[in-house]
C-alpha cells in the first residue's frame, strides 16, 4: 500500500508530472483473518504446518 512510484507510471506511458497513483489491496490473508478470527497476520508467514494445514480444502 502507498503511492505508486513515478517510474511505474512512466513505464506505462503516463505522465508522472500530471498523474499520481495510490496502490492498495486487501489480500487473501486478511480475508482469512476475518473469517477465522486470526489476530496476527504474521502467522501466515511463519511456515508452521500445524497452523497452515487448518486451511486446506
C-alpha atoms as a PDB file:
ATOM      1  CA  UNK A   1       0.000   0.000   0.000  1.00  0.00           C
ATOM      2  CA  UNK A   2       1.118   3.519  -0.688  1.00  0.00           C
ATOM      3  CA  UNK A   3       1.947   5.819  -3.552  1.00  0.00           C
ATOM      4  CA  UNK A   4       2.859   4.397  -6.946  1.00  0.00           C
ATOM      5  CA  UNK A   5       6.456   5.112  -7.923  1.00  0.00           C
ATOM      6  CA  UNK A   6       6.566   7.655 -10.785  1.00  0.00           C
ATOM      7  CA  UNK A   7       8.772   5.258 -12.777  1.00  0.00           C
ATOM      8  CA  UNK A   8       5.909   2.757 -12.846  1.00  0.00           C
ATOM      9  CA  UNK A   9       3.595   5.362 -14.341  1.00  0.00           C
ATOM     10  CA  UNK A  10       6.214   6.395 -16.881  1.00  0.00           C
ATOM     11  CA  UNK A  11       6.716   2.757 -17.908  1.00  0.00           C
ATOM     12  CA  UNK A  12       3.003   2.744 -18.783  1.00  0.00           C
ATOM     13  CA  UNK A  13       3.444   5.958 -20.766  1.00  0.00           C
ATOM     14  CA  UNK A  14       1.575   8.020 -18.169  1.00  0.00           C
ATOM     15  CA  UNK A  15       2.912  11.496 -17.416  1.00  0.00           C
ATOM     16  CA  UNK A  16       4.021  11.281 -13.781  1.00  0.00           C
ATOM     17  CA  UNK A  17       4.078  15.084 -13.517  1.00  0.00           C
ATOM     18  CA  UNK A  18       0.364  15.194 -14.290  1.00  0.00           C
ATOM     19  CA  UNK A  19      -0.805  11.975 -12.614  1.00  0.00           C
ATOM     20  CA  UNK A  20      -0.187  10.171  -9.325  1.00  0.00           C
ATOM     21  CA  UNK A  21      -1.235   6.741  -8.239  1.00  0.00           C
ATOM     22  CA  UNK A  22      -2.223   5.135  -4.964  1.00  0.00           C
ATOM     23  CA  UNK A  23      -1.744   1.401  -4.514  1.00  0.00           C
ATOM     24  CA  UNK A  24      -3.901  -0.561  -2.115  1.00  0.00           C
ATOM     25  CA  UNK A  25      -5.233  -4.035  -1.739  1.00  0.00           C
ATOM     26  CA  UNK A  26      -6.997  -6.478   0.504  1.00  0.00           C
ATOM     27  CA  UNK A  27      -5.016  -9.711   0.468  1.00  0.00           C
ATOM     28  CA  UNK A  28      -6.369 -13.207   0.882  1.00  0.00           C
ATOM     29  CA  UNK A  29      -4.659 -13.454   4.262  1.00  0.00           C
ATOM     30  CA  UNK A  30      -6.703 -10.554   5.590  1.00  0.00           C
ATOM     31  CA  UNK A  31      -9.933 -12.176   4.415  1.00  0.00           C
ATOM     32  CA  UNK A  32      -8.912 -15.412   6.159  1.00  0.00           C
ATOM     33  CA  UNK A  33      -8.137 -13.443   9.330  1.00  0.00           C
ATOM     34  CA  UNK A  34     -11.669 -12.063   9.373  1.00  0.00           C
ATOM     35  CA  UNK A  35     -13.313 -15.395   8.524  1.00  0.00           C
ATOM     36  CA  UNK A  36     -11.347 -17.471  11.053  1.00  0.00           C
ATOM     37  CA  UNK A  37     -10.781 -14.850  13.774  1.00  0.00           C
ATOM     38  CA  UNK A  38      -6.980 -14.807  13.420  1.00  0.00           C
ATOM     39  CA  UNK A  39      -5.416 -11.879  15.247  1.00  0.00           C
ATOM     40  CA  UNK A  40      -1.894 -11.823  13.788  1.00  0.00           C
ATOM     41  CA  UNK A  41      -1.162 -11.823  10.037  1.00  0.00           C
ATOM     42  CA  UNK A  42       2.437 -12.901  10.685  1.00  0.00           C
ATOM     43  CA  UNK A  43       1.217 -16.427  11.456  1.00  0.00           C
ATOM     44  CA  UNK A  44       0.689 -16.995   7.730  1.00  0.00           C
ATOM     45  CA  UNK A  45       4.383 -16.373   7.005  1.00  0.00           C
ATOM     46  CA  UNK A  46       5.933 -18.481   9.765  1.00  0.00           C
ATOM     47  CA  UNK A  47       5.569 -21.697   7.719  1.00  0.00           C
ATOM     48  CA  UNK A  48       4.176 -23.582  10.716  1.00  0.00           C
ATOM     49  CA  UNK A  49       2.444 -26.509   9.025  1.00  0.00           C
ATOM     50  CA  UNK A  50       0.211 -27.121  12.062  1.00  0.00           C
ATOM     51  CA  UNK A  51      -1.240 -23.650  11.551  1.00  0.00           C
ATOM     52  CA  UNK A  52      -1.351 -23.690   7.747  1.00  0.00           C
ATOM     53  CA  UNK A  53      -2.980 -27.136   7.454  1.00  0.00           C
ATOM     54  CA  UNK A  54      -6.102 -25.775   9.116  1.00  0.00           C
ATOM     55  CA  UNK A  55      -6.916 -24.013   5.847  1.00  0.00           C
ATOM     56  CA  UNK A  56      -6.698 -26.910   3.385  1.00  0.00           C
ATOM     57  CA  UNK A  57      -9.804 -27.960   1.483  1.00  0.00           C
END
